[in-house]
Amino acid sequence: TLLLDALKGTAAVIIAGYFGGPNAAMLAGLGAFLGHIFPVWLKFHGGKGVAVYIGILIGLFWPAALLFCAIWLGLAFALRYSSLSALIASVVTPLFLWWFDQAVLAALFAAMTLLLIFMLRENVRRLLAGTEGKIGQKA
C-alpha cells in the first residue's frame, strides 16, 4: 500500500510535468494529495497522505524526499512513533526546500504539511496523552 500510494503521487507529478510543465506538475501533485485524503467515492474520508506526500516529493525534488525518509527513519528508529516521525519530517521538508531556493515548492509543501498535520490530529492527541502506539508494540 505504501509503495502504491507513493507511486500515485509520483506518477501524477511526472505525467503532468511531461505534458504541462512544472506548474502542472505541482498542481497534479496537490490534486493527488487532496484526492487521497479526501476521496469523493469514500465520502471524503481517505488516508492520512504521508506516502503520497513522499511520492510527490520524489517527482518534484527527490533530494527532499531522501531527507524526509532519512528523518523519518532516524526518528522512527529512535522514538518508535511513526506519526511523530512523519510530522517532524514534514515540518522540516518546506524549510529544506526553501533553503535550496525552491520557494514555490516550499510554499506548496508548507500547505500540504498543514493538511498532513490536520489529518494526523488524532495521532497528535494520542501522542500528547501518551497512548499512541509504538512501532513494533503489540496491540
C-alpha atoms as a PDB file:
ATOM      1  CA  THR A   1       0.000   0.000   0.000  1.00  0.00           C
ATOM      2  CA  LEU A   2       2.796   2.400   0.918  1.00  0.00           C
ATOM      3  CA  LEU A   3       4.527   1.893  -2.419  1.00  0.00           C
ATOM      4  CA  LEU A   4       1.353   2.251  -4.488  1.00  0.00           C
ATOM      5  CA  ASP A   5       0.269   5.376  -2.600  1.00  0.00           C
ATOM      6  CA  ALA A   6       3.702   6.937  -3.140  1.00  0.00           C
ATOM      7  CA  LEU A   7       3.640   5.989  -6.827  1.00  0.00           C
ATOM      8  CA  LYS A   8       0.246   7.666  -7.138  1.00  0.00           C
ATOM      9  CA  GLY A   9       1.871  10.977  -6.211  1.00  0.00           C
ATOM     10  CA  THR A  10       4.983  10.420  -8.320  1.00  0.00           C
ATOM     11  CA  ALA A  11       3.018   9.353 -11.407  1.00  0.00           C
ATOM     12  CA  ALA A  12       0.702  12.372 -11.202  1.00  0.00           C
ATOM     13  CA  VAL A  13       3.673  14.732 -10.999  1.00  0.00           C
ATOM     14  CA  ILE A  14       5.713  13.108 -13.773  1.00  0.00           C
ATOM     15  CA  ILE A  15       2.834  12.760 -16.234  1.00  0.00           C
ATOM     16  CA  ALA A  16       1.526  16.288 -15.663  1.00  0.00           C
ATOM     17  CA  GLY A  17       5.053  17.692 -15.795  1.00  0.00           C
ATOM     18  CA  TYR A  18       5.720  15.969 -19.101  1.00  0.00           C
ATOM     19  CA  PHE A  19       2.601  17.355 -20.747  1.00  0.00           C
ATOM     20  CA  GLY A  20       2.149  20.657 -18.927  1.00  0.00           C
ATOM     21  CA  GLY A  21       5.400  21.716 -17.325  1.00  0.00           C
ATOM     22  CA  PRO A  22       6.394  22.459 -13.735  1.00  0.00           C
ATOM     23  CA  ASN A  23       3.225  24.305 -12.708  1.00  0.00           C
ATOM     24  CA  ALA A  24       1.033  21.485 -13.983  1.00  0.00           C
ATOM     25  CA  ALA A  25       3.232  19.002 -12.114  1.00  0.00           C
ATOM     26  CA  MET A  26       2.760  20.880  -8.847  1.00  0.00           C
ATOM     27  CA  LEU A  27      -0.997  21.155  -9.362  1.00  0.00           C
ATOM     28  CA  ALA A  28      -1.222  17.455 -10.198  1.00  0.00           C
ATOM     29  CA  GLY A  29       0.728  16.623  -7.057  1.00  0.00           C
ATOM     30  CA  LEU A  30      -1.604  18.734  -4.957  1.00  0.00           C
ATOM     31  CA  GLY A  31      -4.576  17.106  -6.683  1.00  0.00           C
ATOM     32  CA  ALA A  32      -3.239  13.616  -5.960  1.00  0.00           C
ATOM     33  CA  PHE A  33      -2.678  14.567  -2.327  1.00  0.00           C
ATOM     34  CA  LEU A  34      -6.140  16.086  -1.888  1.00  0.00           C
ATOM     35  CA  GLY A  35      -7.747  13.204  -3.766  1.00  0.00           C
ATOM     36  CA  HIS A  36      -6.035  10.730  -1.463  1.00  0.00           C
ATOM     37  CA  ILE A  37      -7.026  12.358   1.812  1.00  0.00           C
ATOM     38  CA  PHE A  38     -10.498  13.496   0.693  1.00  0.00           C
ATOM     39  CA  PRO A  39     -11.704  10.919  -1.886  1.00  0.00           C
ATOM     40  CA  VAL A  40     -15.188  11.626  -3.220  1.00  0.00           C
ATOM     41  CA  TRP A  41     -16.090   7.918  -3.513  1.00  0.00           C
ATOM     42  CA  LEU A  42     -15.333   7.356   0.191  1.00  0.00           C
ATOM     43  CA  LYS A  43     -17.414  10.343   1.323  1.00  0.00           C
ATOM     44  CA  PHE A  44     -14.242  12.453   1.775  1.00  0.00           C
ATOM     45  CA  HIS A  45     -12.700  10.061   4.349  1.00  0.00           C
ATOM     46  CA  GLY A  46      -9.381   8.863   2.979  1.00  0.00           C
ATOM     47  CA  GLY A  47      -5.846   8.171   4.094  1.00  0.00           C
ATOM     48  CA  LYS A  48      -3.509  10.384   6.057  1.00  0.00           C
ATOM     49  CA  GLY A  49      -1.430  11.271   2.985  1.00  0.00           C
ATOM     50  CA  VAL A  50       2.136  10.616   4.166  1.00  0.00           C
ATOM     51  CA  ALA A  51       3.036   8.163   1.381  1.00  0.00           C
ATOM     52  CA  VAL A  52       1.509  10.367  -1.328  1.00  0.00           C
ATOM     53  CA  TYR A  53       3.428  13.339   0.147  1.00  0.00           C
ATOM     54  CA  ILE A  54       6.667  11.359  -0.247  1.00  0.00           C
ATOM     55  CA  GLY A  55       5.728  10.306  -3.781  1.00  0.00           C
ATOM     56  CA  ILE A  56       5.103  13.913  -4.788  1.00  0.00           C
ATOM     57  CA  LEU A  57       8.458  14.878  -3.303  1.00  0.00           C
ATOM     58  CA  ILE A  58      10.143  12.163  -5.362  1.00  0.00           C
ATOM     59  CA  GLY A  59       8.624  13.572  -8.533  1.00  0.00           C
ATOM     60  CA  LEU A  60       9.234  17.257  -7.819  1.00  0.00           C
ATOM     61  CA  PHE A  61      12.532  17.383  -5.878  1.00  0.00           C
ATOM     62  CA  TRP A  62      13.937  13.973  -4.987  1.00  0.00           C
ATOM     63  CA  PRO A  63      16.655  15.242  -2.590  1.00  0.00           C
ATOM     64  CA  ALA A  64      13.847  16.461  -0.305  1.00  0.00           C
ATOM     65  CA  ALA A  65      12.272  13.003  -0.466  1.00  0.00           C
ATOM     66  CA  LEU A  66      15.575  11.477   0.643  1.00  0.00           C
ATOM     67  CA  LEU A  67      15.758  13.949   3.516  1.00  0.00           C
ATOM     68  CA  PHE A  68      12.159  13.207   4.533  1.00  0.00           C
ATOM     69  CA  CYS A  69      12.826   9.463   4.537  1.00  0.00           C
ATOM     70  CA  ALA A  70      16.127   9.836   6.414  1.00  0.00           C
ATOM     71  CA  ILE A  71      14.465  11.953   9.112  1.00  0.00           C
ATOM     72  CA  TRP A  72      11.519   9.560   9.343  1.00  0.00           C
ATOM     73  CA  LEU A  73      13.776   6.503   9.592  1.00  0.00           C
ATOM     74  CA  GLY A  74      16.081   8.063  12.168  1.00  0.00           C
ATOM     75  CA  LEU A  75      13.248   9.262  14.384  1.00  0.00           C
ATOM     76  CA  ALA A  76      11.187   6.101  13.943  1.00  0.00           C
ATOM     77  CA  PHE A  77      14.203   4.015  14.960  1.00  0.00           C
ATOM     78  CA  ALA A  78      14.964   6.249  17.952  1.00  0.00           C
ATOM     79  CA  LEU A  79      11.454   7.050  19.189  1.00  0.00           C
ATOM     80  CA  ARG A  80       9.366   4.242  17.637  1.00  0.00           C
ATOM     81  CA  TYR A  81       6.485   6.623  16.799  1.00  0.00           C
ATOM     82  CA  SER A  82       5.635   6.593  13.101  1.00  0.00           C
ATOM     83  CA  SER A  83       3.217   9.517  13.281  1.00  0.00           C
ATOM     84  CA  LEU A  84       5.636  11.751  15.206  1.00  0.00           C
ATOM     85  CA  SER A  85       8.408  10.880  12.767  1.00  0.00           C
ATOM     86  CA  ALA A  86       6.182  11.810   9.812  1.00  0.00           C
ATOM     87  CA  LEU A  87       5.081  15.062  11.455  1.00  0.00           C
ATOM     88  CA  ILE A  88       8.629  16.199  12.146  1.00  0.00           C
ATOM     89  CA  ALA A  89       9.879  15.174   8.700  1.00  0.00           C
ATOM     90  CA  SER A  90       7.010  17.026   7.035  1.00  0.00           C
ATOM     91  CA  VAL A  91       7.699  20.210   9.030  1.00  0.00           C
ATOM     92  CA  VAL A  92      11.384  20.102   8.060  1.00  0.00           C
ATOM     93  CA  THR A  93      10.642  19.500   4.354  1.00  0.00           C
ATOM     94  CA  PRO A  94       9.412  23.011   3.404  1.00  0.00           C
ATOM     95  CA  LEU A  95      12.372  24.519   5.273  1.00  0.00           C
ATOM     96  CA  PHE A  96      14.734  22.282   3.315  1.00  0.00           C
ATOM     97  CA  LEU A  97      13.066  23.279   0.039  1.00  0.00           C
ATOM     98  CA  TRP A  98      13.307  26.954   0.931  1.00  0.00           C
ATOM     99  CA  TRP A  99      16.983  26.513   1.870  1.00  0.00           C
ATOM    100  CA  PHE A 100      17.606  25.072  -1.613  1.00  0.00           C
ATOM    101  CA  ASP A 101      15.955  28.083  -3.263  1.00  0.00           C
ATOM    102  CA  GLN A 102      12.761  26.197  -4.120  1.00  0.00           C
ATOM    103  CA  ALA A 103      10.373  28.845  -2.743  1.00  0.00           C
ATOM    104  CA  VAL A 104       7.329  27.769  -4.765  1.00  0.00           C
ATOM    105  CA  LEU A 105       7.792  24.121  -3.789  1.00  0.00           C
ATOM    106  CA  ALA A 106       8.378  25.199  -0.184  1.00  0.00           C
ATOM    107  CA  ALA A 107       5.025  27.017  -0.206  1.00  0.00           C
ATOM    108  CA  LEU A 108       3.264  24.016  -1.749  1.00  0.00           C
ATOM    109  CA  PHE A 109       4.728  21.615   0.799  1.00  0.00           C
ATOM    110  CA  ALA A 110       4.046  24.022   3.673  1.00  0.00           C
ATOM    111  CA  ALA A 111       0.368  23.912   2.708  1.00  0.00           C
ATOM    112  CA  MET A 112       0.474  20.141   2.334  1.00  0.00           C
ATOM    113  CA  THR A 113       2.225  19.862   5.715  1.00  0.00           C
ATOM    114  CA  LEU A 114      -0.609  21.803   7.353  1.00  0.00           C
ATOM    115  CA  LEU A 115      -3.092  19.381   5.790  1.00  0.00           C
ATOM    116  CA  LEU A 116      -0.975  16.448   6.928  1.00  0.00           C
ATOM    117  CA  ILE A 117      -0.960  17.794  10.490  1.00  0.00           C
ATOM    118  CA  PHE A 118      -4.746  18.103  10.273  1.00  0.00           C
ATOM    119  CA  MET A 119      -5.050  14.517   9.066  1.00  0.00           C
ATOM    120  CA  LEU A 120      -2.794  13.293  11.882  1.00  0.00           C
ATOM    121  CA  ARG A 121      -4.646  15.269  14.572  1.00  0.00           C
ATOM    122  CA  GLU A 122      -5.909  12.135  16.334  1.00  0.00           C
ATOM    123  CA  ASN A 123      -2.356  10.763  16.396  1.00  0.00           C
ATOM    124  CA  VAL A 124      -1.189  14.070  17.917  1.00  0.00           C
ATOM    125  CA  ARG A 125      -3.873  13.791  20.609  1.00  0.00           C
ATOM    126  CA  ARG A 126      -2.738  10.246  21.402  1.00  0.00           C
ATOM    127  CA  LEU A 127       0.913  11.341  21.459  1.00  0.00           C
ATOM    128  CA  LEU A 128       0.086  14.099  23.931  1.00  0.00           C
ATOM    129  CA  ALA A 129      -1.975  11.683  26.037  1.00  0.00           C
ATOM    130  CA  GLY A 130       0.775   9.061  25.949  1.00  0.00           C
ATOM    131  CA  THR A 131      -1.482   6.476  24.288  1.00  0.00           C
ATOM    132  CA  GLU A 132      -0.075   6.456  20.744  1.00  0.00           C
ATOM    133  CA  GLY A 133       1.078   3.012  19.703  1.00  0.00           C
ATOM    134  CA  LYS A 134       4.758   2.489  19.080  1.00  0.00           C
ATOM    135  CA  ILE A 135       6.308   0.715  16.115  1.00  0.00           C
ATOM    136  CA  GLY A 136       6.600  -2.980  16.974  1.00  0.00           C
ATOM    137  CA  GLN A 137       4.325  -2.704  20.009  1.00  0.00           C
ATOM    138  CA  LYS A 138       1.672  -5.385  20.316  1.00  0.00           C
ATOM    139  CA  ALA A 139      -1.911  -4.122  20.358  1.00  0.00           C
END
